[in-house]
C-alpha atoms as a PDB file:
ATOM      1  CA  MET A   1       4.431 119.942 148.706  1.00  0.00           C
ATOM      2  CA  SER A   2       5.399 123.489 148.428  1.00  0.00           C
ATOM      3  CA  PRO A   3       8.852 124.569 147.264  1.00  0.00           C
ATOM      4  CA  GLU A   4       9.585 125.935 150.753  1.00  0.00           C
ATOM      5  CA  SER A   5       8.818 122.661 152.439  1.00  0.00           C
ATOM      6  CA  ILE A   6      10.812 120.721 149.950  1.00  0.00           C
ATOM      7  CA  ILE A   7      13.864 122.933 150.843  1.00  0.00           C
ATOM      8  CA  SER A   8      13.170 122.660 154.595  1.00  0.00           C
ATOM      9  CA  LYS A   9      12.887 118.856 154.277  1.00  0.00           C
ATOM     10  CA  ILE A  10      16.223 118.635 152.267  1.00  0.00           C
ATOM     11  CA  ASP A  11      18.061 120.811 154.782  1.00  0.00           C
ATOM     12  CA  GLU A  12      16.690 118.761 157.657  1.00  0.00           C
ATOM     13  CA  ILE A  13      18.037 115.463 156.009  1.00  0.00           C
ATOM     14  CA  LEU A  14      21.454 117.036 155.481  1.00  0.00           C
ATOM     15  CA  VAL A  15      21.603 118.259 159.153  1.00  0.00           C
ATOM     16  CA  GLU A  16      20.382 114.934 160.622  1.00  0.00           C
ATOM     17  CA  GLU A  17      22.069 112.345 158.350  1.00  0.00           C
ATOM     18  CA  PHE A  18      25.454 114.015 158.299  1.00  0.00           C
ATOM     19  CA  GLU A  19      25.396 115.671 161.652  1.00  0.00           C
ATOM     20  CA  LEU A  20      25.957 119.151 160.092  1.00  0.00           C
ATOM     21  CA  GLU A  21      25.369 122.445 161.824  1.00  0.00           C
ATOM     22  CA  PRO A  22      22.050 123.849 160.544  1.00  0.00           C
ATOM     23  CA  GLU A  23      23.848 127.214 159.870  1.00  0.00           C
ATOM     24  CA  SER A  24      26.313 125.535 157.532  1.00  0.00           C
ATOM     25  CA  VAL A  25      23.429 124.033 155.318  1.00  0.00           C
ATOM     26  CA  VAL A  26      22.957 127.075 152.938  1.00  0.00           C
ATOM     27  CA  PRO A  27      22.329 127.023 149.242  1.00  0.00           C
ATOM     28  CA  ASP A  28      25.867 128.071 148.205  1.00  0.00           C
ATOM     29  CA  ALA A  29      27.557 125.549 150.502  1.00  0.00           C
ATOM     30  CA  ARG A  30      29.693 123.221 148.448  1.00  0.00           C
ATOM     31  CA  LEU A  31      29.044 119.547 149.323  1.00  0.00           C
ATOM     32  CA  ARG A  32      32.561 118.397 149.179  1.00  0.00           C
ATOM     33  CA  GLU A  33      34.574 121.389 150.163  1.00  0.00           C
ATOM     34  CA  ASP A  34      32.284 123.126 152.739  1.00  0.00           C
ATOM     35  CA  LEU A  35      30.247 120.184 154.116  1.00  0.00           C
ATOM     36  CA  ASP A  36      32.990 117.483 153.713  1.00  0.00           C
ATOM     37  CA  LEU A  37      30.693 115.046 152.049  1.00  0.00           C
ATOM     38  CA  ASP A  38      32.179 112.402 149.955  1.00  0.00           C
ATOM     39  CA  SER A  39      30.901 109.939 147.299  1.00  0.00           C
ATOM     40  CA  LEU A  40      29.670 107.475 149.902  1.00  0.00           C
ATOM     41  CA  ASP A  41      27.800 110.296 151.560  1.00  0.00           C
ATOM     42  CA  GLY A  42      26.233 111.000 148.275  1.00  0.00           C
ATOM     43  CA  VAL A  43      24.693 107.473 148.087  1.00  0.00           C
ATOM     44  CA  ASP A  44      23.434 107.951 151.577  1.00  0.00           C
ATOM     45  CA  LEU A  45      21.922 111.272 150.581  1.00  0.00           C
ATOM     46  CA  VAL A  46      20.039 109.670 147.630  1.00  0.00           C
ATOM     47  CA  VAL A  47      18.705 106.937 149.835  1.00  0.00           C
ATOM     48  CA  ALA A  48      17.554 109.498 152.437  1.00  0.00           C
ATOM     49  CA  LEU A  49      15.958 111.757 149.863  1.00  0.00           C
ATOM     50  CA  GLU A  50      14.230 108.775 148.177  1.00  0.00           C
ATOM     51  CA  LYS A  51      12.785 107.658 151.473  1.00  0.00           C
ATOM     52  CA  ALA A  52      11.689 111.207 152.410  1.00  0.00           C
ATOM     53  CA  PHE A  53      10.017 112.064 149.114  1.00  0.00           C
ATOM     54  CA  ASP A  54       8.944 108.500 148.152  1.00  0.00           C
ATOM     55  CA  PHE A  55      10.522 108.468 144.728  1.00  0.00           C
ATOM     56  CA  ARG A  56      13.651 107.158 143.019  1.00  0.00           C
ATOM     57  CA  ILE A  57      16.605 109.392 142.079  1.00  0.00           C
ATOM     58  CA  ASP A  58      19.193 108.452 139.469  1.00  0.00           C
ATOM     59  CA  GLY A  59      22.495 108.135 141.365  1.00  0.00           C
ATOM     60  CA  LYS A  60      24.499 109.554 138.544  1.00  0.00           C
ATOM     61  CA  VAL A  61      22.687 112.934 139.195  1.00  0.00           C
ATOM     62  CA  VAL A  62      24.194 113.273 142.628  1.00  0.00           C
ATOM     63  CA  VAL A  63      27.606 113.405 140.936  1.00  0.00           C
ATOM     64  CA  GLU A  64      26.496 116.537 139.076  1.00  0.00           C
ATOM     65  CA  MET A  65      25.274 118.190 142.309  1.00  0.00           C
ATOM     66  CA  LYS A  66      27.957 120.420 143.753  1.00  0.00           C
ATOM     67  CA  THR A  67      26.014 122.609 146.229  1.00  0.00           C
ATOM     68  CA  VAL A  68      23.140 122.444 148.623  1.00  0.00           C
ATOM     69  CA  GLY A  69      21.390 124.665 146.171  1.00  0.00           C
ATOM     70  CA  ASP A  70      21.829 122.139 143.323  1.00  0.00           C
ATOM     71  CA  ILE A  71      20.034 119.593 145.515  1.00  0.00           C
ATOM     72  CA  HIS A  72      17.176 122.039 146.256  1.00  0.00           C
ATOM     73  CA  ASP A  73      16.832 122.794 142.595  1.00  0.00           C
ATOM     74  CA  TYR A  74      16.955 119.228 141.463  1.00  0.00           C
ATOM     75  CA  VAL A  75      14.327 117.985 143.864  1.00  0.00           C
ATOM     76  CA  ARG A  76      12.146 121.060 143.356  1.00  0.00           C
ATOM     77  CA  ASN A  77      12.392 120.903 139.572  1.00  0.00           C
ATOM     78  CA  HIS A  78      11.950 117.265 139.006  1.00  0.00           C
ATOM     79  CA  PHE A  79       9.552 116.361 141.828  1.00  0.00           C
ATOM     80  CA  GLY A  80       8.087 119.663 143.183  1.00  0.00           C
ATOM     81  CA  SER A  81       4.673 119.406 141.750  1.00  0.00           C
ATOM     82  CA  SER A  82       2.191 116.589 142.495  1.00  0.00           C
ATOM     83  CA  GLU A  83       2.210 115.684 138.798  1.00  0.00           C
ATOM     84  CA  GLN A  84       5.846 115.351 138.765  1.00  0.00           C
ATOM     85  CA  ILE A  85       5.851 113.247 141.776  1.00  0.00           C
ATOM     86  CA  GLN A  86       3.218 110.941 140.388  1.00  0.00           C
ATOM     87  CA  ALA A  87       5.214 110.584 137.061  1.00  0.00           C
ATOM     88  CA  ALA A  88       8.289 109.676 138.968  1.00  0.00           C
ATOM     89  CA  ARG A  89       6.449 107.137 141.128  1.00  0.00           C
ATOM     90  CA  ALA A  90       4.931 105.744 137.950  1.00  0.00           C
ATOM     91  CA  ALA A  91       8.288 105.408 136.366  1.00  0.00           C
ATOM     92  CA  VAL A  92       9.660 103.549 139.198  1.00  0.00           C
ATOM     93  CA  THR A  93       6.779 100.911 139.357  1.00  0.00           C
ATOM     94  CA  ALA A  94       6.866 100.449 135.493  1.00  0.00           C
END
């Protein structure tokens, strides 16, 4: 999965799951202040990302994410390559 397709999928999830306007989902948009997402929304986001990308995300990481760009970076950096995705899947099944 290319970095661009990862970003597009994350943005699509944010728009669809939380009924956000597409133009509001930009890298520097703050999750709580700009997009009005709370901690329960964070749980829903983790579930949606796990389902979309077929891997597990540590729920504690979501607390550290402050912007849409943080989400982009996390998914891209941890699961962007096929090797990283395979390693994450193996860790979940172990």
